[in-house]
């Protein structure tokens, strides 16, 4: 069974029911998009671009939430709030945690496909 701290099992189950065979394509798209967003977040942080960091975190929060990746969405919300304040001092730790939880969410989502 799924780890409830990683995925919202009700959201995942509902998506599987609605999407059927296309659910796998959704998971693959989430993984590709997430990897691109993580790279964009890293670039924005390296450039000190708080606005891009905020907007990327906001978009990633939405896609993560829609797919039931609750911890990823929560970390994105923290990063979005941090970037909105303009203080990026805690961003490296948040980005590190976000990458770890994204990998866990992807693994959990892939496990639902088996």
PDB file of N, CA and C in Angstrom:
ATOM      1  N   UNK A   1       0.842  -1.196   0.000  1.00  0.00           N
ATOM      2  CA  UNK A   1       0.000   0.000   0.000  1.00  0.00           C
ATOM      3  C   UNK A   1       0.877   1.246   0.000  1.00  0.00           C
ATOM      4  N   UNK A   2       0.287   2.362  -0.356  1.00  0.00           N
ATOM      5  CA  UNK A   2       1.023   3.616  -0.468  1.00  0.00           C
ATOM      6  C   UNK A   2       1.342   4.204   0.900  1.00  0.00           C
ATOM      7  N   UNK A   3       2.444   4.902   0.952  1.00  0.00           N
ATOM      8  CA  UNK A   3       2.820   5.638   2.151  1.00  0.00           C
ATOM      9  C   UNK A   3       2.004   6.925   2.175  1.00  0.00           C
ATOM     10  N   UNK A   4       1.121   7.057   3.149  1.00  0.00           N
ATOM     11  CA  UNK A   4       0.217   8.206   3.201  1.00  0.00           C
ATOM     12  C   UNK A   4       0.939   9.534   3.368  1.00  0.00           C
ATOM     13  N   UNK A   5       2.188   9.515   3.853  1.00  0.00           N
ATOM     14  CA  UNK A   5       2.913  10.771   3.991  1.00  0.00           C
ATOM     15  C   UNK A   5       3.490  11.227   2.644  1.00  0.00           C
ATOM     16  N   UNK A   6       3.507  10.337   1.660  1.00  0.00           N
ATOM     17  CA  UNK A   6       4.051  10.663   0.351  1.00  0.00           C
ATOM     18  C   UNK A   6       2.930  11.014  -0.621  1.00  0.00           C
ATOM     19  N   UNK A   7       1.888  10.190  -0.648  1.00  0.00           N
ATOM     20  CA  UNK A   7       0.776  10.383  -1.583  1.00  0.00           C
ATOM     21  C   UNK A   7      -0.555  10.466  -0.855  1.00  0.00           C
ATOM     22  N   UNK A   8      -1.452  11.263  -1.413  1.00  0.00           N
ATOM     23  CA  UNK A   8      -2.844  11.262  -0.973  1.00  0.00           C
ATOM     24  C   UNK A   8      -3.517  10.138  -1.764  1.00  0.00           C
ATOM     25  N   UNK A   9      -3.737   9.002  -1.101  1.00  0.00           N
ATOM     26  CA  UNK A   9      -4.219   7.810  -1.797  1.00  0.00           C
ATOM     27  C   UNK A   9      -5.603   8.012  -2.412  1.00  0.00           C
ATOM     28  N   UNK A  10      -6.410   8.869  -1.814  1.00  0.00           N
ATOM     29  CA  UNK A  10      -7.736   9.119  -2.375  1.00  0.00           C
ATOM     30  C   UNK A  10      -7.625   9.852  -3.718  1.00  0.00           C
ATOM     31  N   UNK A  11      -6.738  10.835  -3.796  1.00  0.00           N
ATOM     32  CA  UNK A  11      -6.526  11.572  -5.044  1.00  0.00           C
ATOM     33  C   UNK A  11      -5.999  10.621  -6.118  1.00  0.00           C
ATOM     34  N   UNK A  12      -5.014   9.810  -5.765  1.00  0.00           N
ATOM     35  CA  UNK A  12      -4.424   8.876  -6.723  1.00  0.00           C
ATOM     36  C   UNK A  12      -5.477   7.885  -7.210  1.00  0.00           C
ATOM     37  N   UNK A  13      -6.245   7.331  -6.307  1.00  0.00           N
ATOM     38  CA  UNK A  13      -7.274   6.362  -6.672  1.00  0.00           C
ATOM     39  C   UNK A  13      -8.320   6.981  -7.601  1.00  0.00           C
ATOM     40  N   UNK A  14      -8.733   8.192  -7.288  1.00  0.00           N
ATOM     41  CA  UNK A  14      -9.714   8.877  -8.124  1.00  0.00           C
ATOM     42  C   UNK A  14      -9.155   9.134  -9.527  1.00  0.00           C
ATOM     43  N   UNK A  15      -7.898   9.566  -9.598  1.00  0.00           N
ATOM     44  CA  UNK A  15      -7.267   9.791 -10.905  1.00  0.00           C
ATOM     45  C   UNK A  15      -7.160   8.493 -11.699  1.00  0.00           C
ATOM     46  N   UNK A  16      -6.816   7.406 -11.014  1.00  0.00           N
ATOM     47  CA  UNK A  16      -6.721   6.114 -11.698  1.00  0.00           C
ATOM     48  C   UNK A  16      -8.078   5.704 -12.257  1.00  0.00           C
ATOM     49  N   UNK A  17      -9.141   5.920 -11.484  1.00  0.00           N
ATOM     50  CA  UNK A  17     -10.494   5.578 -11.939  1.00  0.00           C
ATOM     51  C   UNK A  17     -10.895   6.424 -13.142  1.00  0.00           C
ATOM     52  N   UNK A  18     -10.606   7.709 -13.084  1.00  0.00           N
ATOM     53  CA  UNK A  18     -11.007   8.630 -14.144  1.00  0.00           C
ATOM     54  C   UNK A  18     -10.189   8.410 -15.415  1.00  0.00           C
ATOM     55  N   UNK A  19      -8.886   8.235 -15.253  1.00  0.00           N
ATOM     56  CA  UNK A  19      -7.986   8.204 -16.405  1.00  0.00           C
ATOM     57  C   UNK A  19      -7.743   6.823 -16.987  1.00  0.00           C
ATOM     58  N   UNK A  20      -7.986   5.791 -16.201  1.00  0.00           N
ATOM     59  CA  UNK A  20      -7.767   4.430 -16.691  1.00  0.00           C
ATOM     60  C   UNK A  20      -6.339   4.230 -17.157  1.00  0.00           C
ATOM     61  N   UNK A  21      -6.189   3.740 -18.386  1.00  0.00           N
ATOM     62  CA  UNK A  21      -4.869   3.450 -18.954  1.00  0.00           C
ATOM     63  C   UNK A  21      -4.012   4.697 -19.115  1.00  0.00           C
ATOM     64  N   UNK A  22      -4.638   5.859 -19.239  1.00  0.00           N
ATOM     65  CA  UNK A  22      -3.892   7.104 -19.417  1.00  0.00           C
ATOM     66  C   UNK A  22      -3.216   7.592 -18.133  1.00  0.00           C
ATOM     67  N   UNK A  23      -3.521   6.948 -17.005  1.00  0.00           N
ATOM     68  CA  UNK A  23      -2.899   7.353 -15.740  1.00  0.00           C
ATOM     69  C   UNK A  23      -1.380   7.221 -15.818  1.00  0.00           C
ATOM     70  N   UNK A  24      -0.892   6.178 -16.474  1.00  0.00           N
ATOM     71  CA  UNK A  24       0.562   5.989 -16.601  1.00  0.00           C
ATOM     72  C   UNK A  24       1.183   7.167 -17.344  1.00  0.00           C
ATOM     73  N   UNK A  25       0.511   7.646 -18.389  1.00  0.00           N
ATOM     74  CA  UNK A  25       1.021   8.789 -19.141  1.00  0.00           C
ATOM     75  C   UNK A  25       1.071  10.036 -18.248  1.00  0.00           C
ATOM     76  N   UNK A  26       0.082  10.195 -17.389  1.00  0.00           N
ATOM     77  CA  UNK A  26       0.048  11.316 -16.457  1.00  0.00           C
ATOM     78  C   UNK A  26       1.229  11.250 -15.486  1.00  0.00           C
ATOM     79  N   UNK A  27       1.504  10.081 -14.959  1.00  0.00           N
ATOM     80  CA  UNK A  27       2.630   9.891 -14.035  1.00  0.00           C
ATOM     81  C   UNK A  27       3.945  10.207 -14.738  1.00  0.00           C
ATOM     82  N   UNK A  28       4.110   9.715 -15.969  1.00  0.00           N
ATOM     83  CA  UNK A  28       5.334   9.976 -16.722  1.00  0.00           C
ATOM     84  C   UNK A  28       5.498  11.468 -17.002  1.00  0.00           C
ATOM     85  N   UNK A  29       4.408  12.121 -17.325  1.00  0.00           N
ATOM     86  CA  UNK A  29       4.430  13.563 -17.577  1.00  0.00           C
ATOM     87  C   UNK A  29       4.800  14.329 -16.307  1.00  0.00           C
ATOM     88  N   UNK A  30       4.251  13.911 -15.170  1.00  0.00           N
ATOM     89  CA  UNK A  30       4.571  14.541 -13.890  1.00  0.00           C
ATOM     90  C   UNK A  30       6.064  14.411 -13.588  1.00  0.00           C
ATOM     91  N   UNK A  31       6.631  13.231 -13.864  1.00  0.00           N
ATOM     92  CA  UNK A  31       8.060  13.024 -13.609  1.00  0.00           C
ATOM     93  C   UNK A  31       8.910  13.932 -14.495  1.00  0.00           C
ATOM     94  N   UNK A  32       8.605  13.974 -15.781  1.00  0.00           N
ATOM     95  CA  UNK A  32       9.365  14.823 -16.710  1.00  0.00           C
ATOM     96  C   UNK A  32       9.242  16.295 -16.312  1.00  0.00           C
ATOM     97  N   UNK A  33       8.017  16.729 -16.073  1.00  0.00           N
ATOM     98  CA  UNK A  33       7.769  18.114 -15.705  1.00  0.00           C
ATOM     99  C   UNK A  33       8.472  18.459 -14.390  1.00  0.00           C
ATOM    100  N   UNK A  34       8.399  17.551 -13.423  1.00  0.00           N
ATOM    101  CA  UNK A  34       9.027  17.777 -12.127  1.00  0.00           C
ATOM    102  C   UNK A  34      10.530  17.927 -12.235  1.00  0.00           C
ATOM    103  N   UNK A  35      11.150  17.099 -13.061  1.00  0.00           N
ATOM    104  CA  UNK A  35      12.603  17.191 -13.247  1.00  0.00           C
ATOM    105  C   UNK A  35      12.970  18.537 -13.885  1.00  0.00           C
ATOM    106  N   UNK A  36      12.163  18.981 -14.844  1.00  0.00           N
ATOM    107  CA  UNK A  36      12.409  20.274 -15.481  1.00  0.00           C
ATOM    108  C   UNK A  36      12.209  21.414 -14.483  1.00  0.00           C
ATOM    109  N   UNK A  37      11.185  21.308 -13.655  1.00  0.00           N
ATOM    110  CA  UNK A  37      10.928  22.353 -12.660  1.00  0.00           C
ATOM    111  C   UNK A  37      12.035  22.410 -11.616  1.00  0.00           C
ATOM    112  N   UNK A  38      12.526  21.250 -11.198  1.00  0.00           N
ATOM    113  CA  UNK A  38      13.633  21.236 -10.238  1.00  0.00           C
ATOM    114  C   UNK A  38      14.869  21.908 -10.826  1.00  0.00           C
ATOM    115  N   UNK A  39      15.142  21.647 -12.091  1.00  0.00           N
ATOM    116  CA  UNK A  39      16.285  22.282 -12.753  1.00  0.00           C
ATOM    117  C   UNK A  39      16.068  23.798 -12.831  1.00  0.00           C
ATOM    118  N   UNK A  40      14.839  24.216 -13.152  1.00  0.00           N
ATOM    119  CA  UNK A  40      14.527  25.649 -13.231  1.00  0.00           C
ATOM    120  C   UNK A  40      14.631  26.308 -11.856  1.00  0.00           C
ATOM    121  N   UNK A  41      14.214  25.588 -10.813  1.00  0.00           N
ATOM    122  CA  UNK A  41      14.327  26.115  -9.448  1.00  0.00           C
ATOM    123  C   UNK A  41      15.796  26.290  -9.068  1.00  0.00           C
ATOM    124  N   UNK A  42      16.619  25.307  -9.400  1.00  0.00           N
ATOM    125  CA  UNK A  42      18.064  25.407  -9.124  1.00  0.00           C
ATOM    126  C   UNK A  42      18.663  26.610  -9.847  1.00  0.00           C
ATOM    127  N   UNK A  43      18.307  26.773 -11.117  1.00  0.00           N
ATOM    128  CA  UNK A  43      18.844  27.890 -11.907  1.00  0.00           C
ATOM    129  C   UNK A  43      18.394  29.231 -11.333  1.00  0.00           C
ATOM    130  N   UNK A  44      17.117  29.316 -10.949  1.00  0.00           N
ATOM    131  CA  UNK A  44      16.600  30.570 -10.396  1.00  0.00           C
ATOM    132  C   UNK A  44      17.303  30.904  -9.086  1.00  0.00           C
ATOM    133  N   UNK A  45      17.522  29.887  -8.249  1.00  0.00           N
ATOM    134  CA  UNK A  45      18.221  30.136  -6.985  1.00  0.00           C
ATOM    135  C   UNK A  45      19.651  30.590  -7.257  1.00  0.00           C
ATOM    136  N   UNK A  46      20.342  29.902  -8.162  1.00  0.00           N
ATOM    137  CA  UNK A  46      21.733  30.249  -8.473  1.00  0.00           C
ATOM    138  C   UNK A  46      21.844  31.681  -8.994  1.00  0.00           C
ATOM    139  N   UNK A  47      20.801  32.131  -9.706  1.00  0.00           N
ATOM    140  CA  UNK A  47      20.808  33.486 -10.259  1.00  0.00           C
ATOM    141  C   UNK A  47      20.274  34.517  -9.263  1.00  0.00           C
ATOM    142  N   UNK A  48      19.794  34.043  -8.115  1.00  0.00           N
ATOM    143  CA  UNK A  48      19.207  34.957  -7.132  1.00  0.00           C
ATOM    144  C   UNK A  48      17.894  35.542  -7.609  1.00  0.00           C
ATOM    145  N   UNK A  49      17.209  34.832  -8.500  1.00  0.00           N
ATOM    146  CA  UNK A  49      15.958  35.291  -9.105  1.00  0.00           C
ATOM    147  C   UNK A  49      14.767  34.793  -8.283  1.00  0.00           C
ATOM    148  N   UNK A  50      14.405  35.571  -7.279  1.00  0.00           N
ATOM    149  CA  UNK A  50      13.332  35.171  -6.362  1.00  0.00           C
ATOM    150  C   UNK A  50      11.986  35.057  -7.073  1.00  0.00           C
ATOM    151  N   UNK A  51      11.710  35.910  -8.047  1.00  0.00           N
ATOM    152  CA  UNK A  51      10.411  35.868  -8.733  1.00  0.00           C
ATOM    153  C   UNK A  51      10.253  34.596  -9.566  1.00  0.00           C
ATOM    154  N   UNK A  52      11.301  34.208 -10.280  1.00  0.00           N
ATOM    155  CA  UNK A  52      11.227  32.958 -11.046  1.00  0.00           C
ATOM    156  C   UNK A  52      11.134  31.770 -10.098  1.00  0.00           C
ATOM    157  N   UNK A  53      11.870  31.823  -9.014  1.00  0.00           N
ATOM    158  CA  UNK A  53      11.801  30.768  -8.009  1.00  0.00           C
ATOM    159  C   UNK A  53      10.374  30.650  -7.474  1.00  0.00           C
ATOM    160  N   UNK A  54       9.760  31.786  -7.182  1.00  0.00           N
ATOM    161  CA  UNK A  54       8.386  31.797  -6.675  1.00  0.00           C
ATOM    162  C   UNK A  54       7.412  31.212  -7.700  1.00  0.00           C
ATOM    163  N   UNK A  55       7.506  31.659  -8.941  1.00  0.00           N
ATOM    164  CA  UNK A  55       6.541  31.211  -9.949  1.00  0.00           C
ATOM    165  C   UNK A  55       6.725  29.730 -10.291  1.00  0.00           C
ATOM    166  N   UNK A  56       7.976  29.258 -10.345  1.00  0.00           N
ATOM    167  CA  UNK A  56       8.218  27.836 -10.596  1.00  0.00           C
ATOM    168  C   UNK A  56       7.703  26.979  -9.431  1.00  0.00           C
ATOM    169  N   UNK A  57       7.952  27.430  -8.213  1.00  0.00           N
ATOM    170  CA  UNK A  57       7.462  26.695  -7.040  1.00  0.00           C
ATOM    171  C   UNK A  57       5.939  26.662  -7.035  1.00  0.00           C
ATOM    172  N   UNK A  58       5.314  27.768  -7.411  1.00  0.00           N
ATOM    173  CA  UNK A  58       3.849  27.844  -7.455  1.00  0.00           C
ATOM    174  C   UNK A  58       3.287  26.836  -8.461  1.00  0.00           C
ATOM    175  N   UNK A  59       3.850  26.802  -9.656  1.00  0.00           N
ATOM    176  CA  UNK A  59       3.379  25.867 -10.689  1.00  0.00           C
ATOM    177  C   UNK A  59       3.600  24.412 -10.273  1.00  0.00           C
ATOM    178  N   UNK A  60       4.773  24.150  -9.697  1.00  0.00           N
ATOM    179  CA  UNK A  60       5.102  22.787  -9.249  1.00  0.00           C
ATOM    180  C   UNK A  60       4.164  22.370  -8.118  1.00  0.00           C
ATOM    181  N   UNK A  61       3.814  23.310  -7.263  1.00  0.00           N
ATOM    182  CA  UNK A  61       2.874  23.035  -6.177  1.00  0.00           C
ATOM    183  C   UNK A  61       1.544  22.561  -6.749  1.00  0.00           C
ATOM    184  N   UNK A  62       1.073  23.234  -7.781  1.00  0.00           N
ATOM    185  CA  UNK A  62      -0.209  22.872  -8.385  1.00  0.00           C
ATOM    186  C   UNK A  62      -0.206  21.491  -8.997  1.00  0.00           C
ATOM    187  N   UNK A  63       0.813  21.195  -9.794  1.00  0.00           N
ATOM    188  CA  UNK A  63       0.856  19.881 -10.444  1.00  0.00           C
ATOM    189  C   UNK A  63       1.041  18.764  -9.421  1.00  0.00           C
ATOM    190  N   UNK A  64       1.825  19.020  -8.392  1.00  0.00           N
ATOM    191  CA  UNK A  64       2.040  18.017  -7.341  1.00  0.00           C
ATOM    192  C   UNK A  64       0.754  17.761  -6.561  1.00  0.00           C
ATOM    193  N   UNK A  65       0.066  18.823  -6.245  1.00  0.00           N
ATOM    194  CA  UNK A  65      -1.189  18.706  -5.512  1.00  0.00           C
ATOM    195  C   UNK A  65      -2.227  17.940  -6.333  1.00  0.00           C
ATOM    196  N   UNK A  66      -2.307  18.254  -7.618  1.00  0.00           N
ATOM    197  CA  UNK A  66      -3.272  17.592  -8.498  1.00  0.00           C
ATOM    198  C   UNK A  66      -3.024  16.095  -8.597  1.00  0.00           C
ATOM    199  N   UNK A  67      -1.780  15.676  -8.449  1.00  0.00           N
ATOM    200  CA  UNK A  67      -1.443  14.258  -8.565  1.00  0.00           C
ATOM    201  C   UNK A  67      -1.356  13.568  -7.197  1.00  0.00           C
ATOM    202  N   UNK A  68      -1.608  14.307  -6.140  1.00  0.00           N
ATOM    203  CA  UNK A  68      -1.630  13.707  -4.809  1.00  0.00           C
ATOM    204  C   UNK A  68      -0.277  13.616  -4.135  1.00  0.00           C
ATOM    205  N   UNK A  69       0.735  14.289  -4.684  1.00  0.00           N
ATOM    206  CA  UNK A  69       2.077  14.290  -4.078  1.00  0.00           C
ATOM    207  C   UNK A  69       2.090  15.378  -3.006  1.00  0.00           C
ATOM    208  N   UNK A  70       1.507  15.055  -1.859  1.00  0.00           N
ATOM    209  CA  UNK A  70       1.200  16.060  -0.844  1.00  0.00           C
ATOM    210  C   UNK A  70       2.437  16.699  -0.215  1.00  0.00           C
ATOM    211  N   UNK A  71       3.460  15.930   0.033  1.00  0.00           N
ATOM    212  CA  UNK A  71       4.647  16.507   0.671  1.00  0.00           C
ATOM    213  C   UNK A  71       5.412  17.384  -0.312  1.00  0.00           C
ATOM    214  N   UNK A  72       5.440  16.979  -1.565  1.00  0.00           N
ATOM    215  CA  UNK A  72       6.084  17.800  -2.594  1.00  0.00           C
ATOM    216  C   UNK A  72       5.347  19.142  -2.683  1.00  0.00           C
ATOM    217  N   UNK A  73       4.022  19.084  -2.706  1.00  0.00           N
ATOM    218  CA  UNK A  73       3.223  20.309  -2.785  1.00  0.00           C
ATOM    219  C   UNK A  73       3.467  21.205  -1.577  1.00  0.00           C
ATOM    220  N   UNK A  74       3.578  20.610  -0.407  1.00  0.00           N
ATOM    221  CA  UNK A  74       3.817  21.371   0.819  1.00  0.00           C
ATOM    222  C   UNK A  74       5.184  22.071   0.783  1.00  0.00           C
ATOM    223  N   UNK A  75       6.198  21.365   0.317  1.00  0.00           N
ATOM    224  CA  UNK A  75       7.535  21.957   0.216  1.00  0.00           C
ATOM    225  C   UNK A  75       7.555  23.071  -0.831  1.00  0.00           C
ATOM    226  N   UNK A  76       6.818  22.874  -1.914  1.00  0.00           N
ATOM    227  CA  UNK A  76       6.719  23.927  -2.934  1.00  0.00           C
ATOM    228  C   UNK A  76       6.054  25.168  -2.358  1.00  0.00           C
ATOM    229  N   UNK A  77       5.050  24.966  -1.519  1.00  0.00           N
ATOM    230  CA  UNK A  77       4.383  26.101  -0.893  1.00  0.00           C
ATOM    231  C   UNK A  77       5.356  26.850   0.019  1.00  0.00           C
ATOM    232  N   UNK A  78       6.164  26.121   0.771  1.00  0.00           N
ATOM    233  CA  UNK A  78       7.174  26.758   1.625  1.00  0.00           C
ATOM    234  C   UNK A  78       8.175  27.554   0.786  1.00  0.00           C
ATOM    235  N   UNK A  79       8.608  26.956  -0.310  1.00  0.00           N
ATOM    236  CA  UNK A  79       9.572  27.616  -1.191  1.00  0.00           C
ATOM    237  C   UNK A  79       8.954  28.856  -1.840  1.00  0.00           C
ATOM    238  N   UNK A  80       7.700  28.749  -2.237  1.00  0.00           N
ATOM    239  CA  UNK A  80       6.989  29.882  -2.826  1.00  0.00           C
ATOM    240  C   UNK A  80       6.896  31.041  -1.832  1.00  0.00           C
ATOM    241  N   UNK A  81       6.544  30.725  -0.600  1.00  0.00           N
ATOM    242  CA  UNK A  81       6.431  31.738   0.446  1.00  0.00           C
ATOM    243  C   UNK A  81       7.784  32.381   0.723  1.00  0.00           C
ATOM    244  N   UNK A  82       8.810  31.555   0.793  1.00  0.00           N
ATOM    245  CA  UNK A  82      10.171  32.046   1.025  1.00  0.00           C
ATOM    246  C   UNK A  82      10.600  32.995  -0.091  1.00  0.00           C
ATOM    247  N   UNK A  83      10.365  32.580  -1.330  1.00  0.00           N
ATOM    248  CA  UNK A  83      10.754  33.410  -2.470  1.00  0.00           C
ATOM    249  C   UNK A  83       9.962  34.713  -2.505  1.00  0.00           C
ATOM    250  N   UNK A  84       8.692  34.654  -2.103  1.00  0.00           N
ATOM    251  CA  UNK A  84       7.869  35.868  -2.062  1.00  0.00           C
ATOM    252  C   UNK A  84       8.434  36.885  -1.079  1.00  0.00           C
ATOM    253  N   UNK A  85       9.038  36.388  -0.020  1.00  0.00           N
ATOM    254  CA  UNK A  85       9.612  37.283   0.992  1.00  0.00           C
ATOM    255  C   UNK A  85      10.947  37.872   0.517  1.00  0.00           C
ATOM    256  N   UNK A  86      11.544  37.241  -0.499  1.00  0.00           N
ATOM    257  CA  UNK A  86      12.826  37.711  -1.014  1.00  0.00           C
ATOM    258  C   UNK A  86      14.024  37.180  -0.253  1.00  0.00           C
ATOM    259  N   UNK A  87      13.783  36.445   0.827  1.00  0.00           N
ATOM    260  CA  UNK A  87      14.877  35.884   1.629  1.00  0.00           C
ATOM    261  C   UNK A  87      15.110  34.443   1.193  1.00  0.00           C
ATOM    262  N   UNK A  88      16.173  34.208   0.452  1.00  0.00           N
ATOM    263  CA  UNK A  88      16.435  32.878  -0.092  1.00  0.00           C
ATOM    264  C   UNK A  88      17.434  32.085   0.750  1.00  0.00           C
ATOM    265  N   UNK A  89      17.695  32.538   1.962  1.00  0.00           N
ATOM    266  CA  UNK A  89      18.718  31.887   2.791  1.00  0.00           C
ATOM    267  C   UNK A  89      18.390  30.429   3.111  1.00  0.00           C
ATOM    268  N   UNK A  90      17.124  30.096   3.217  1.00  0.00           N
ATOM    269  CA  UNK A  90      16.737  28.710   3.523  1.00  0.00           C
ATOM    270  C   UNK A  90      16.455  27.892   2.265  1.00  0.00           C
ATOM    271  N   UNK A  91      16.564  28.507   1.100  1.00  0.00           N
ATOM    272  CA  UNK A  91      16.229  27.822  -0.152  1.00  0.00           C
ATOM    273  C   UNK A  91      17.061  26.564  -0.411  1.00  0.00           C
ATOM    274  N   UNK A  92      18.377  26.561  -0.151  1.00  0.00           N
ATOM    275  CA  UNK A  92      19.140  25.335  -0.440  1.00  0.00           C
ATOM    276  C   UNK A  92      18.606  24.112   0.302  1.00  0.00           C
ATOM    277  N   UNK A  93      18.294  24.265   1.567  1.00  0.00           N
ATOM    278  CA  UNK A  93      17.770  23.134   2.344  1.00  0.00           C
ATOM    279  C   UNK A  93      16.404  22.702   1.823  1.00  0.00           C
ATOM    280  N   UNK A  94      15.560  23.670   1.480  1.00  0.00           N
ATOM    281  CA  UNK A  94      14.240  23.339   0.936  1.00  0.00           C
ATOM    282  C   UNK A  94      14.357  22.644  -0.413  1.00  0.00           C
ATOM    283  N   UNK A  95      15.241  23.130  -1.268  1.00  0.00           N
ATOM    284  CA  UNK A  95      15.428  22.505  -2.579  1.00  0.00           C
ATOM    285  C   UNK A  95      15.937  21.078  -2.427  1.00  0.00           C
ATOM    286  N   UNK A  96      16.857  20.869  -1.504  1.00  0.00           N
ATOM    287  CA  UNK A  96      17.372  19.518  -1.257  1.00  0.00           C
ATOM    288  C   UNK A  96      16.239  18.591  -0.803  1.00  0.00           C
ATOM    289  N   UNK A  97      15.456  19.048   0.136  1.00  0.00           N
ATOM    290  CA  UNK A  97      14.334  18.250   0.642  1.00  0.00           C
ATOM    291  C   UNK A  97      13.300  18.008  -0.454  1.00  0.00           C
ATOM    292  N   UNK A  98      13.042  19.025  -1.262  1.00  0.00           N
ATOM    293  CA  UNK A  98      12.079  18.909  -2.354  1.00  0.00           C
ATOM    294  C   UNK A  98      12.513  17.827  -3.342  1.00  0.00           C
ATOM    295  N   UNK A  99      13.785  17.792  -3.685  1.00  0.00           N
ATOM    296  CA  UNK A  99      14.291  16.779  -4.613  1.00  0.00           C
ATOM    297  C   UNK A  99      14.114  15.375  -4.045  1.00  0.00           C
ATOM    298  N   UNK A 100      14.401  15.208  -2.767  1.00  0.00           N
ATOM    299  CA  UNK A 100      14.244  13.896  -2.137  1.00  0.00           C
ATOM    300  C   UNK A 100      12.781  13.457  -2.133  1.00  0.00           C
ATOM    301  N   UNK A 101      11.900  14.365  -1.752  1.00  0.00           N
ATOM    302  CA  UNK A 101      10.481  14.009  -1.671  1.00  0.00           C
ATOM    303  C   UNK A 101       9.860  13.822  -3.052  1.00  0.00           C
ATOM    304  N   UNK A 102      10.365  14.533  -4.046  1.00  0.00           N
ATOM    305  CA  UNK A 102       9.898  14.326  -5.417  1.00  0.00           C
ATOM    306  C   UNK A 102      10.253  12.908  -5.862  1.00  0.00           C
ATOM    307  N   UNK A 103      11.483  12.456  -5.580  1.00  0.00           N
ATOM    308  CA  UNK A 103      11.888  11.096  -5.949  1.00  0.00           C
ATOM    309  C   UNK A 103      11.014  10.059  -5.237  1.00  0.00           C
ATOM    310  N   UNK A 104      10.716  10.302  -3.959  1.00  0.00           N
ATOM    311  CA  UNK A 104       9.850   9.380  -3.213  1.00  0.00           C
ATOM    312  C   UNK A 104       8.450   9.341  -3.814  1.00  0.00           C
ATOM    313  N   UNK A 105       7.924  10.510  -4.179  1.00  0.00           N
ATOM    314  CA  UNK A 105       6.584  10.581  -4.771  1.00  0.00           C
ATOM    315  C   UNK A 105       6.561   9.848  -6.107  1.00  0.00           C
ATOM    316  N   UNK A 106       7.600  10.039  -6.921  1.00  0.00           N
ATOM    317  CA  UNK A 106       7.662   9.348  -8.212  1.00  0.00           C
ATOM    318  C   UNK A 106       7.710   7.835  -8.014  1.00  0.00           C
ATOM    319  N   UNK A 107       8.505   7.394  -7.051  1.00  0.00           N
ATOM    320  CA  UNK A 107       8.591   5.958  -6.768  1.00  0.00           C
ATOM    321  C   UNK A 107       7.239   5.411  -6.305  1.00  0.00           C
ATOM    322  N   UNK A 108       6.561   6.156  -5.453  1.00  0.00           N
ATOM    323  CA  UNK A 108       5.252   5.733  -4.958  1.00  0.00           C
ATOM    324  C   UNK A 108       4.218   5.715  -6.087  1.00  0.00           C
ATOM    325  N   UNK A 109       4.261   6.718  -6.948  1.00  0.00           N
ATOM    326  CA  UNK A 109       3.339   6.749  -8.085  1.00  0.00           C
ATOM    327  C   UNK A 109       3.614   5.593  -9.047  1.00  0.00           C
ATOM    328  N   UNK A 110       4.878   5.326  -9.297  1.00  0.00           N
ATOM    329  CA  UNK A 110       5.228   4.195 -10.174  1.00  0.00           C
ATOM    330  C   UNK A 110       4.787   2.874  -9.570  1.00  0.00           C
ATOM    331  N   UNK A 111       4.823   2.776  -8.255  1.00  0.00           N
ATOM    332  CA  UNK A 111       4.372   1.550  -7.586  1.00  0.00           C
ATOM    333  C   UNK A 111       2.884   1.322  -7.794  1.00  0.00           C
ATOM    334  N   UNK A 112       2.133   2.414  -7.980  1.00  0.00           N
ATOM    335  CA  UNK A 112       0.681   2.259  -8.221  1.00  0.00           C
ATOM    336  C   UNK A 112       0.397   1.712  -9.617  1.00  0.00           C
ATOM    337  N   UNK A 113       1.389   1.772 -10.507  1.00  0.00           N
ATOM    338  CA  UNK A 113       1.220   1.291 -11.878  1.00  0.00           C
ATOM    339  C   UNK A 113       1.449  -0.200 -11.993  1.00  0.00           C
ATOM    340  N   UNK A 114       2.117  -0.772 -11.011  1.00  0.00           N
ATOM    341  CA  UNK A 114       2.482  -2.203 -11.078  1.00  0.00           C
ATOM    342  C   UNK A 114       1.273  -3.099 -10.939  1.00  0.00           C
TER     343      UNK A 114
END
